[in-house]
């Protein structure tokens, strides 16, 4: 993409932002008379839609400015050098990113693909390194991915999460919500595995409680191969026994103070405790004398 194309993109954002500002200024100068709850609700929705559009354009403008900055381009190159497979630049392409306000905005970003011969009519597998540096996965900003994952985990079903998001102006189908939530959780588990547990203070001389809980569940995992006679995909129903480990201290009145972030491990209790035993609590014998365990009957 040429420099003129980049300047055109920046001017488009400037014109879009100015257009929304003019609409809001017009609403400020000519107040609407509302005489019923329905009219007030409609006015609120109209104002929110325009402010959401303004916020999305501003986010897109800042994202494009960051992607064009020399500092972020240096981070892209460093990420590409550390990539497991050799990559080469395939030029800048336009990608639409969905913001937390529910609107999609276009940005131009370099696409890096694997080196080698390209198959006819198909693009080789690669990565948008600039979006990865900014934490943008599945064409969603980090704020949107976090909110979608939170609602999917907190509410009773994906359909409820879909309704709550729709009321906010974010239109997503349940399949997309599931994909965003699953991949967000996978990245969170990866961060937990890479980072070490660190404590800001010592637990020497304090009453420490280590709690473990969990259960067995059976997951349907897609199985590669031929489909059934009815055209359905095959799957394996392997059992999993995830365990959650929680460490906290109690004071004289047994008030709880969280000491470590709750951790989970799909490998079951043995893998979880082996992982925890590698963490240096820096407490010495005082910890062993004050530990209380519960919830380990199924371990």
C-alpha atoms as a PDB file:
ATOM      1  CA  UNK A   1       0.000   0.000   0.000  1.00  0.00           C
ATOM      2  CA  UNK A   2       1.306   3.477  -0.853  1.00  0.00           C
ATOM      3  CA  UNK A   3       1.740   6.388   1.534  1.00  0.00           C
ATOM      4  CA  UNK A   4      -1.130   8.140  -0.225  1.00  0.00           C
ATOM      5  CA  UNK A   5      -3.376   5.257   0.808  1.00  0.00           C
ATOM      6  CA  UNK A   6      -2.376   5.668   4.435  1.00  0.00           C
ATOM      7  CA  UNK A   7      -3.004   9.394   4.359  1.00  0.00           C
ATOM      8  CA  UNK A   8      -6.386   8.703   2.751  1.00  0.00           C
ATOM      9  CA  UNK A   9      -7.274   6.339   5.604  1.00  0.00           C
ATOM     10  CA  UNK A  10      -6.322   8.970   8.189  1.00  0.00           C
ATOM     11  CA  UNK A  11      -8.366  11.607   6.375  1.00  0.00           C
ATOM     12  CA  UNK A  12     -11.364   9.219   6.284  1.00  0.00           C
ATOM     13  CA  UNK A  13     -11.204   8.837  10.056  1.00  0.00           C
ATOM     14  CA  UNK A  14     -10.912  12.602  10.464  1.00  0.00           C
ATOM     15  CA  UNK A  15     -13.970  13.196   8.280  1.00  0.00           C
ATOM     16  CA  UNK A  16     -15.980  10.448   9.997  1.00  0.00           C
ATOM     17  CA  UNK A  17     -15.129  11.791  13.453  1.00  0.00           C
ATOM     18  CA  UNK A  18     -16.024  15.329  12.404  1.00  0.00           C
ATOM     19  CA  UNK A  19     -19.342  14.168  10.917  1.00  0.00           C
ATOM     20  CA  UNK A  20     -20.393  12.502  14.185  1.00  0.00           C
ATOM     21  CA  UNK A  21     -19.288  15.549  16.186  1.00  0.00           C
ATOM     22  CA  UNK A  22     -21.446  17.735  13.945  1.00  0.00           C
ATOM     23  CA  UNK A  23     -24.440  15.457  14.575  1.00  0.00           C
ATOM     24  CA  UNK A  24     -23.920  15.628  18.336  1.00  0.00           C
ATOM     25  CA  UNK A  25     -23.474  19.402  18.193  1.00  0.00           C
ATOM     26  CA  UNK A  26     -26.720  19.667  16.262  1.00  0.00           C
ATOM     27  CA  UNK A  27     -28.518  17.637  18.931  1.00  0.00           C
ATOM     28  CA  UNK A  28     -27.059  19.931  21.592  1.00  0.00           C
ATOM     29  CA  UNK A  29     -28.211  23.097  19.831  1.00  0.00           C
ATOM     30  CA  UNK A  30     -31.729  21.814  19.129  1.00  0.00           C
ATOM     31  CA  UNK A  31     -32.955  19.861  22.178  1.00  0.00           C
ATOM     32  CA  UNK A  32     -35.774  17.407  21.541  1.00  0.00           C
ATOM     33  CA  UNK A  33     -38.934  17.634  23.603  1.00  0.00           C
ATOM     34  CA  UNK A  34     -39.761  14.237  25.108  1.00  0.00           C
ATOM     35  CA  UNK A  35     -43.128  13.690  26.749  1.00  0.00           C
ATOM     36  CA  UNK A  36     -43.163   9.942  27.445  1.00  0.00           C
ATOM     37  CA  UNK A  37     -40.860   7.179  28.664  1.00  0.00           C
ATOM     38  CA  UNK A  38     -40.804   5.677  25.172  1.00  0.00           C
ATOM     39  CA  UNK A  39     -39.595   8.928  23.606  1.00  0.00           C
ATOM     40  CA  UNK A  40     -36.919   9.349  26.259  1.00  0.00           C
ATOM     41  CA  UNK A  41     -35.713   5.773  25.713  1.00  0.00           C
ATOM     42  CA  UNK A  42     -35.556   6.338  21.958  1.00  0.00           C
ATOM     43  CA  UNK A  43     -33.582   9.542  22.497  1.00  0.00           C
ATOM     44  CA  UNK A  44     -31.127   7.790  24.785  1.00  0.00           C
ATOM     45  CA  UNK A  45     -30.591   5.013  22.253  1.00  0.00           C
ATOM     46  CA  UNK A  46     -30.013   7.530  19.475  1.00  0.00           C
ATOM     47  CA  UNK A  47     -27.447   9.430  21.529  1.00  0.00           C
ATOM     48  CA  UNK A  48     -25.690   6.215  22.564  1.00  0.00           C
ATOM     49  CA  UNK A  49     -25.504   4.988  18.983  1.00  0.00           C
ATOM     50  CA  UNK A  50     -23.812   8.192  17.882  1.00  0.00           C
ATOM     51  CA  UNK A  51     -21.398   8.288  20.817  1.00  0.00           C
ATOM     52  CA  UNK A  52     -20.569   4.622  20.197  1.00  0.00           C
ATOM     53  CA  UNK A  53     -19.811   5.445  16.570  1.00  0.00           C
ATOM     54  CA  UNK A  54     -17.609   8.321  17.684  1.00  0.00           C
ATOM     55  CA  UNK A  55     -15.764   6.080  20.149  1.00  0.00           C
ATOM     56  CA  UNK A  56     -15.207   3.411  17.493  1.00  0.00           C
ATOM     57  CA  UNK A  57     -13.808   5.928  15.004  1.00  0.00           C
ATOM     58  CA  UNK A  58     -11.474   7.302  17.671  1.00  0.00           C
ATOM     59  CA  UNK A  59     -10.282   3.796  18.546  1.00  0.00           C
ATOM     60  CA  UNK A  60      -9.669   3.051  14.869  1.00  0.00           C
ATOM     61  CA  UNK A  61      -7.798   6.323  14.435  1.00  0.00           C
ATOM     62  CA  UNK A  62      -5.520   5.562  17.391  1.00  0.00           C
ATOM     63  CA  UNK A  63      -4.981   1.953  16.275  1.00  0.00           C
ATOM     64  CA  UNK A  64      -3.918   3.069  12.789  1.00  0.00           C
ATOM     65  CA  UNK A  65      -1.596   5.682  14.260  1.00  0.00           C
ATOM     66  CA  UNK A  66      -0.025   3.038  16.505  1.00  0.00           C
ATOM     67  CA  UNK A  67       0.375   0.552  13.640  1.00  0.00           C
ATOM     68  CA  UNK A  68       2.169   3.188  11.569  1.00  0.00           C
ATOM     69  CA  UNK A  69       4.481   4.210  14.421  1.00  0.00           C
ATOM     70  CA  UNK A  70       8.145   3.198  14.259  1.00  0.00           C
ATOM     71  CA  UNK A  71       8.112   1.815  17.810  1.00  0.00           C
ATOM     72  CA  UNK A  72       5.328  -0.683  17.105  1.00  0.00           C
ATOM     73  CA  UNK A  73       6.829  -1.658  13.758  1.00  0.00           C
ATOM     74  CA  UNK A  74      10.029  -2.519  15.609  1.00  0.00           C
ATOM     75  CA  UNK A  75       7.995  -4.735  17.960  1.00  0.00           C
ATOM     76  CA  UNK A  76       6.409  -6.410  14.919  1.00  0.00           C
ATOM     77  CA  UNK A  77       9.795  -7.213  13.452  1.00  0.00           C
ATOM     78  CA  UNK A  78      11.027  -8.595  16.760  1.00  0.00           C
ATOM     79  CA  UNK A  79       7.938 -10.814  17.022  1.00  0.00           C
ATOM     80  CA  UNK A  80       8.402 -12.067  13.455  1.00  0.00           C
ATOM     81  CA  UNK A  81      12.045 -12.937  14.128  1.00  0.00           C
ATOM     82  CA  UNK A  82      11.014 -14.993  17.166  1.00  0.00           C
ATOM     83  CA  UNK A  83       8.159 -16.777  15.348  1.00  0.00           C
ATOM     84  CA  UNK A  84       8.596 -20.582  15.187  1.00  0.00           C
ATOM     85  CA  UNK A  85       8.247 -20.558  11.386  1.00  0.00           C
ATOM     86  CA  UNK A  86      10.144 -18.262   9.032  1.00  0.00           C
ATOM     87  CA  UNK A  87       7.857 -15.445   7.859  1.00  0.00           C
ATOM     88  CA  UNK A  88       8.033 -12.816   5.149  1.00  0.00           C
ATOM     89  CA  UNK A  89       6.062  -9.630   4.625  1.00  0.00           C
ATOM     90  CA  UNK A  90       3.142  -9.924   2.204  1.00  0.00           C
ATOM     91  CA  UNK A  91       2.388  -6.200   2.233  1.00  0.00           C
ATOM     92  CA  UNK A  92      -0.292  -4.197   3.970  1.00  0.00           C
ATOM     93  CA  UNK A  93      -3.883  -5.360   3.837  1.00  0.00           C
ATOM     94  CA  UNK A  94      -7.078  -3.921   5.245  1.00  0.00           C
ATOM     95  CA  UNK A  95      -8.517  -5.655   8.296  1.00  0.00           C
ATOM     96  CA  UNK A  96     -11.774  -4.765  10.007  1.00  0.00           C
ATOM     97  CA  UNK A  97     -11.582  -4.838  13.798  1.00  0.00           C
ATOM     98  CA  UNK A  98     -14.642  -4.866  16.031  1.00  0.00           C
ATOM     99  CA  UNK A  99     -14.450  -2.441  18.945  1.00  0.00           C
ATOM    100  CA  UNK A 100     -16.051  -2.615  22.381  1.00  0.00           C
ATOM    101  CA  UNK A 101     -18.796  -0.288  21.126  1.00  0.00           C
ATOM    102  CA  UNK A 102     -19.902  -2.940  18.620  1.00  0.00           C
ATOM    103  CA  UNK A 103     -18.808  -1.236  15.411  1.00  0.00           C
ATOM    104  CA  UNK A 104     -16.099  -2.484  13.059  1.00  0.00           C
ATOM    105  CA  UNK A 105     -13.375  -0.112  11.905  1.00  0.00           C
ATOM    106  CA  UNK A 106     -10.825  -0.678   9.106  1.00  0.00           C
ATOM    107  CA  UNK A 107      -7.088  -0.609   9.733  1.00  0.00           C
ATOM    108  CA  UNK A 108      -4.151  -1.308   7.427  1.00  0.00           C
ATOM    109  CA  UNK A 109      -1.645  -3.769   8.831  1.00  0.00           C
ATOM    110  CA  UNK A 110       1.243  -5.833   7.451  1.00  0.00           C
ATOM    111  CA  UNK A 111       0.442  -9.498   6.859  1.00  0.00           C
ATOM    112  CA  UNK A 112       3.353 -11.876   7.406  1.00  0.00           C
ATOM    113  CA  UNK A 113       3.096 -15.292   5.762  1.00  0.00           C
ATOM    114  CA  UNK A 114       5.264 -18.359   5.733  1.00  0.00           C
ATOM    115  CA  UNK A 115       8.128 -18.455   3.301  1.00  0.00           C
ATOM    116  CA  UNK A 116       7.875 -20.851   0.384  1.00  0.00           C
ATOM    117  CA  UNK A 117       5.773 -21.541  -2.669  1.00  0.00           C
ATOM    118  CA  UNK A 118       2.172 -20.339  -2.439  1.00  0.00           C
ATOM    119  CA  UNK A 119      -0.628 -22.626  -3.507  1.00  0.00           C
ATOM    120  CA  UNK A 120      -2.712 -21.412  -6.422  1.00  0.00           C
ATOM    121  CA  UNK A 121      -5.653 -19.339  -5.284  1.00  0.00           C
ATOM    122  CA  UNK A 122      -4.850 -19.695  -1.585  1.00  0.00           C
ATOM    123  CA  UNK A 123      -2.927 -17.520   0.831  1.00  0.00           C
ATOM    124  CA  UNK A 124      -0.289 -19.195   2.950  1.00  0.00           C
ATOM    125  CA  UNK A 125      -0.835 -19.315   6.696  1.00  0.00           C
ATOM    126  CA  UNK A 126       0.559 -16.295   8.484  1.00  0.00           C
ATOM    127  CA  UNK A 127      -0.085 -13.675  11.136  1.00  0.00           C
ATOM    128  CA  UNK A 128      -0.975 -10.012  11.533  1.00  0.00           C
ATOM    129  CA  UNK A 129       1.979  -9.226  13.787  1.00  0.00           C
ATOM    130  CA  UNK A 130       0.840  -5.671  14.496  1.00  0.00           C
ATOM    131  CA  UNK A 131      -2.536  -6.849  15.778  1.00  0.00           C
ATOM    132  CA  UNK A 132      -0.860  -9.487  17.963  1.00  0.00           C
ATOM    133  CA  UNK A 133       1.369  -6.829  19.529  1.00  0.00           C
ATOM    134  CA  UNK A 134      -1.753  -4.780  20.338  1.00  0.00           C
ATOM    135  CA  UNK A 135      -3.507  -7.836  21.809  1.00  0.00           C
ATOM    136  CA  UNK A 136      -6.106  -8.021  19.044  1.00  0.00           C
ATOM    137  CA  UNK A 137      -7.256 -11.589  18.363  1.00  0.00           C
ATOM    138  CA  UNK A 138     -10.256 -12.851  16.403  1.00  0.00           C
ATOM    139  CA  UNK A 139     -10.672  -9.342  14.934  1.00  0.00           C
ATOM    140  CA  UNK A 140     -11.780  -8.031  18.363  1.00  0.00           C
ATOM    141  CA  UNK A 141     -10.190  -5.395  20.566  1.00  0.00           C
ATOM    142  CA  UNK A 142      -8.977  -6.599  23.991  1.00  0.00           C
ATOM    143  CA  UNK A 143     -11.812  -4.771  25.762  1.00  0.00           C
ATOM    144  CA  UNK A 144     -14.476  -6.493  23.651  1.00  0.00           C
ATOM    145  CA  UNK A 145     -12.881  -9.942  23.972  1.00  0.00           C
ATOM    146  CA  UNK A 146     -12.656  -9.527  27.750  1.00  0.00           C
ATOM    147  CA  UNK A 147     -16.287  -8.444  28.055  1.00  0.00           C
ATOM    148  CA  UNK A 148     -17.585 -11.224  25.804  1.00  0.00           C
ATOM    149  CA  UNK A 149     -15.632 -13.843  27.761  1.00  0.00           C
ATOM    150  CA  UNK A 150     -16.849 -12.450  31.085  1.00  0.00           C
ATOM    151  CA  UNK A 151     -20.498 -12.533  30.034  1.00  0.00           C
ATOM    152  CA  UNK A 152     -20.161 -16.019  28.554  1.00  0.00           C
ATOM    153  CA  UNK A 153     -18.750 -17.315  31.846  1.00  0.00           C
ATOM    154  CA  UNK A 154     -21.002 -15.317  34.176  1.00  0.00           C
ATOM    155  CA  UNK A 155     -24.417 -15.787  32.579  1.00  0.00           C
ATOM    156  CA  UNK A 156     -26.416 -18.969  32.324  1.00  0.00           C
ATOM    157  CA  UNK A 157     -26.065 -19.546  28.584  1.00  0.00           C
ATOM    158  CA  UNK A 158     -24.502 -18.149  25.452  1.00  0.00           C
ATOM    159  CA  UNK A 159     -27.928 -16.944  24.341  1.00  0.00           C
ATOM    160  CA  UNK A 160     -28.185 -14.797  27.473  1.00  0.00           C
ATOM    161  CA  UNK A 161     -24.746 -13.352  26.743  1.00  0.00           C
ATOM    162  CA  UNK A 162     -25.875 -12.663  23.186  1.00  0.00           C
ATOM    163  CA  UNK A 163     -28.963 -10.777  24.441  1.00  0.00           C
ATOM    164  CA  UNK A 164     -26.953  -8.667  26.903  1.00  0.00           C
ATOM    165  CA  UNK A 165     -24.446  -7.748  24.208  1.00  0.00           C
ATOM    166  CA  UNK A 166     -27.247  -6.949  21.757  1.00  0.00           C
ATOM    167  CA  UNK A 167     -28.775  -4.529  24.278  1.00  0.00           C
ATOM    168  CA  UNK A 168     -25.427  -2.748  24.326  1.00  0.00           C
ATOM    169  CA  UNK A 169     -25.320  -2.566  20.554  1.00  0.00           C
ATOM    170  CA  UNK A 170     -22.861  -5.441  20.023  1.00  0.00           C
ATOM    171  CA  UNK A 171     -24.370  -7.940  17.586  1.00  0.00           C
ATOM    172  CA  UNK A 172     -22.674 -11.352  17.688  1.00  0.00           C
ATOM    173  CA  UNK A 173     -24.004 -14.841  17.113  1.00  0.00           C
ATOM    174  CA  UNK A 174     -23.541 -17.580  19.694  1.00  0.00           C
ATOM    175  CA  UNK A 175     -20.921 -19.355  17.599  1.00  0.00           C
ATOM    176  CA  UNK A 176     -18.728 -16.247  17.555  1.00  0.00           C
ATOM    177  CA  UNK A 177     -19.242 -15.683  21.290  1.00  0.00           C
ATOM    178  CA  UNK A 178     -18.204 -19.270  22.005  1.00  0.00           C
ATOM    179  CA  UNK A 179     -15.109 -18.968  19.824  1.00  0.00           C
ATOM    180  CA  UNK A 180     -14.007 -15.687  21.442  1.00  0.00           C
ATOM    181  CA  UNK A 181     -14.566 -17.017  24.973  1.00  0.00           C
ATOM    182  CA  UNK A 182     -12.773 -20.333  24.376  1.00  0.00           C
ATOM    183  CA  UNK A 183      -9.749 -18.725  22.750  1.00  0.00           C
ATOM    184  CA  UNK A 184      -9.594 -16.009  25.411  1.00  0.00           C
ATOM    185  CA  UNK A 185      -9.600 -18.696  28.122  1.00  0.00           C
ATOM    186  CA  UNK A 186      -6.881 -20.642  26.281  1.00  0.00           C
ATOM    187  CA  UNK A 187      -4.654 -17.548  26.188  1.00  0.00           C
ATOM    188  CA  UNK A 188      -5.301 -16.922  29.883  1.00  0.00           C
ATOM    189  CA  UNK A 189      -4.287 -20.484  30.755  1.00  0.00           C
ATOM    190  CA  UNK A 190      -1.155 -20.111  28.674  1.00  0.00           C
ATOM    191  CA  UNK A 191      -0.203 -16.966  30.577  1.00  0.00           C
ATOM    192  CA  UNK A 192      -0.689 -18.817  33.865  1.00  0.00           C
ATOM    193  CA  UNK A 193       1.588 -21.614  32.708  1.00  0.00           C
ATOM    194  CA  UNK A 194       4.318 -19.241  31.541  1.00  0.00           C
ATOM    195  CA  UNK A 195       4.305 -16.792  34.423  1.00  0.00           C
ATOM    196  CA  UNK A 196       5.509 -17.765  37.876  1.00  0.00           C
ATOM    197  CA  UNK A 197       3.416 -17.256  40.988  1.00  0.00           C
ATOM    198  CA  UNK A 198       4.861 -14.321  42.928  1.00  0.00           C
ATOM    199  CA  UNK A 199       3.926 -13.134  46.419  1.00  0.00           C
ATOM    200  CA  UNK A 200       4.338  -9.554  47.539  1.00  0.00           C
ATOM    201  CA  UNK A 201       4.721 -10.442  51.212  1.00  0.00           C
ATOM    202  CA  UNK A 202       5.639 -13.393  53.398  1.00  0.00           C
ATOM    203  CA  UNK A 203       3.211 -15.665  55.221  1.00  0.00           C
ATOM    204  CA  UNK A 204       5.544 -16.444  58.114  1.00  0.00           C
ATOM    205  CA  UNK A 205       3.625 -16.364  61.398  1.00  0.00           C
ATOM    206  CA  UNK A 206       0.237 -16.080  59.693  1.00  0.00           C
ATOM    207  CA  UNK A 207      -2.671 -18.519  59.493  1.00  0.00           C
ATOM    208  CA  UNK A 208      -2.725 -19.776  55.891  1.00  0.00           C
ATOM    209  CA  UNK A 209      -5.546 -21.750  54.278  1.00  0.00           C
ATOM    210  CA  UNK A 210      -4.934 -23.769  51.115  1.00  0.00           C
ATOM    211  CA  UNK A 211      -8.167 -24.919  49.511  1.00  0.00           C
ATOM    212  CA  UNK A 212      -8.597 -27.255  46.576  1.00  0.00           C
ATOM    213  CA  UNK A 213     -11.841 -28.132  44.856  1.00  0.00           C
ATOM    214  CA  UNK A 214     -13.035 -29.470  41.538  1.00  0.00           C
ATOM    215  CA  UNK A 215     -14.725 -32.417  39.908  1.00  0.00           C
ATOM    216  CA  UNK A 216     -14.841 -34.743  36.940  1.00  0.00           C
ATOM    217  CA  UNK A 217     -16.402 -33.798  33.626  1.00  0.00           C
ATOM    218  CA  UNK A 218     -16.540 -35.292  30.175  1.00  0.00           C
ATOM    219  CA  UNK A 219     -15.691 -33.187  27.136  1.00  0.00           C
ATOM    220  CA  UNK A 220     -16.636 -33.767  23.524  1.00  0.00           C
ATOM    221  CA  UNK A 221     -13.451 -33.326  21.544  1.00  0.00           C
ATOM    222  CA  UNK A 222     -13.646 -33.334  17.761  1.00  0.00           C
ATOM    223  CA  UNK A 223     -12.047 -36.385  16.202  1.00  0.00           C
ATOM    224  CA  UNK A 224     -10.378 -36.187  12.818  1.00  0.00           C
ATOM    225  CA  UNK A 225     -11.410 -38.666  10.168  1.00  0.00           C
ATOM    226  CA  UNK A 226     -14.424 -39.800   8.203  1.00  0.00           C
ATOM    227  CA  UNK A 227     -17.920 -38.767   9.211  1.00  0.00           C
ATOM    228  CA  UNK A 228     -20.668 -41.147  10.236  1.00  0.00           C
ATOM    229  CA  UNK A 229     -23.266 -42.501   7.818  1.00  0.00           C
ATOM    230  CA  UNK A 230     -25.561 -39.656   8.871  1.00  0.00           C
ATOM    231  CA  UNK A 231     -22.916 -37.088   8.028  1.00  0.00           C
ATOM    232  CA  UNK A 232     -22.026 -36.258  11.618  1.00  0.00           C
ATOM    233  CA  UNK A 233     -18.533 -35.619  12.898  1.00  0.00           C
ATOM    234  CA  UNK A 234     -16.943 -38.130  15.217  1.00  0.00           C
ATOM    235  CA  UNK A 235     -15.688 -37.193  18.669  1.00  0.00           C
ATOM    236  CA  UNK A 236     -13.946 -38.592  21.720  1.00  0.00           C
ATOM    237  CA  UNK A 237     -15.418 -38.283  25.193  1.00  0.00           C
ATOM    238  CA  UNK A 238     -12.305 -38.157  27.351  1.00  0.00           C
ATOM    239  CA  UNK A 239     -12.748 -37.493  31.051  1.00  0.00           C
ATOM    240  CA  UNK A 240     -11.081 -34.483  32.661  1.00  0.00           C
ATOM    241  CA  UNK A 241     -10.593 -33.712  36.334  1.00  0.00           C
ATOM    242  CA  UNK A 242      -9.810 -29.987  36.685  1.00  0.00           C
ATOM    243  CA  UNK A 243      -8.822 -28.751  40.134  1.00  0.00           C
ATOM    244  CA  UNK A 244      -8.778 -25.197  41.440  1.00  0.00           C
ATOM    245  CA  UNK A 245      -6.230 -24.183  44.076  1.00  0.00           C
ATOM    246  CA  UNK A 246      -6.916 -21.161  46.305  1.00  0.00           C
ATOM    247  CA  UNK A 247      -4.498 -19.784  48.895  1.00  0.00           C
ATOM    248  CA  UNK A 248      -5.549 -17.154  51.444  1.00  0.00           C
ATOM    249  CA  UNK A 249      -4.860 -16.067  55.012  1.00  0.00           C
ATOM    250  CA  UNK A 250      -7.257 -15.374  57.861  1.00  0.00           C
ATOM    251  CA  UNK A 251      -6.770 -12.835  60.620  1.00  0.00           C
ATOM    252  CA  UNK A 252      -7.815 -12.993  64.287  1.00  0.00           C
ATOM    253  CA  UNK A 253     -11.509 -12.627  63.423  1.00  0.00           C
ATOM    254  CA  UNK A 254     -11.189 -15.108  60.527  1.00  0.00           C
ATOM    255  CA  UNK A 255     -11.608 -12.437  57.843  1.00  0.00           C
ATOM    256  CA  UNK A 256     -10.334 -13.674  54.512  1.00  0.00           C
ATOM    257  CA  UNK A 257      -7.493 -12.023  52.623  1.00  0.00           C
ATOM    258  CA  UNK A 258      -6.690 -13.427  49.186  1.00  0.00           C
ATOM    259  CA  UNK A 259      -3.015 -14.276  48.981  1.00  0.00           C
ATOM    260  CA  UNK A 260      -2.705 -15.790  45.500  1.00  0.00           C
ATOM    261  CA  UNK A 261      -4.722 -15.726  42.330  1.00  0.00           C
ATOM    262  CA  UNK A 262      -6.892 -18.861  41.981  1.00  0.00           C
ATOM    263  CA  UNK A 263      -5.235 -21.403  39.705  1.00  0.00           C
ATOM    264  CA  UNK A 264      -6.697 -24.329  37.817  1.00  0.00           C
ATOM    265  CA  UNK A 265      -5.059 -27.294  36.158  1.00  0.00           C
ATOM    266  CA  UNK A 266      -6.785 -29.735  33.796  1.00  0.00           C
ATOM    267  CA  UNK A 267      -4.339 -32.497  34.678  1.00  0.00           C
ATOM    268  CA  UNK A 268      -6.026 -33.233  37.978  1.00  0.00           C
ATOM    269  CA  UNK A 269      -4.892 -32.922  41.605  1.00  0.00           C
ATOM    270  CA  UNK A 270      -1.499 -34.581  41.183  1.00  0.00           C
ATOM    271  CA  UNK A 271      -0.411 -32.231  38.425  1.00  0.00           C
ATOM    272  CA  UNK A 272      -1.745 -29.248  40.346  1.00  0.00           C
ATOM    273  CA  UNK A 273       0.120 -30.054  43.542  1.00  0.00           C
ATOM    274  CA  UNK A 274       3.316 -30.884  41.648  1.00  0.00           C
ATOM    275  CA  UNK A 275       3.082 -27.469  40.034  1.00  0.00           C
ATOM    276  CA  UNK A 276       2.442 -25.773  43.374  1.00  0.00           C
ATOM    277  CA  UNK A 277       5.326 -27.581  45.060  1.00  0.00           C
ATOM    278  CA  UNK A 278       7.714 -25.898  42.629  1.00  0.00           C
ATOM    279  CA  UNK A 279       6.669 -22.445  43.852  1.00  0.00           C
ATOM    280  CA  UNK A 280       8.909 -20.935  46.542  1.00  0.00           C
ATOM    281  CA  UNK A 281       6.688 -19.531  49.287  1.00  0.00           C
ATOM    282  CA  UNK A 282       9.725 -18.255  51.240  1.00  0.00           C
ATOM    283  CA  UNK A 283       8.151 -19.228  54.544  1.00  0.00           C
ATOM    284  CA  UNK A 284      10.127 -22.176  55.854  1.00  0.00           C
ATOM    285  CA  UNK A 285       8.642 -24.518  58.490  1.00  0.00           C
ATOM    286  CA  UNK A 286       6.158 -21.868  59.638  1.00  0.00           C
ATOM    287  CA  UNK A 287       3.944 -22.575  56.630  1.00  0.00           C
ATOM    288  CA  UNK A 288       3.781 -26.316  57.186  1.00  0.00           C
ATOM    289  CA  UNK A 289       2.672 -25.818  60.763  1.00  0.00           C
ATOM    290  CA  UNK A 290      -0.200 -23.509  59.835  1.00  0.00           C
ATOM    291  CA  UNK A 291      -1.661 -25.059  56.644  1.00  0.00           C
ATOM    292  CA  UNK A 292      -5.237 -26.265  56.659  1.00  0.00           C
ATOM    293  CA  UNK A 293      -6.474 -28.209  53.661  1.00  0.00           C
ATOM    294  CA  UNK A 294      -9.997 -28.939  52.592  1.00  0.00           C
ATOM    295  CA  UNK A 295     -11.824 -30.115  49.497  1.00  0.00           C
ATOM    296  CA  UNK A 296      -9.227 -32.781  48.677  1.00  0.00           C
ATOM    297  CA  UNK A 297     -11.359 -35.859  49.343  1.00  0.00           C
ATOM    298  CA  UNK A 298     -11.536 -36.651  45.643  1.00  0.00           C
ATOM    299  CA  UNK A 299      -7.799 -36.150  45.096  1.00  0.00           C
END
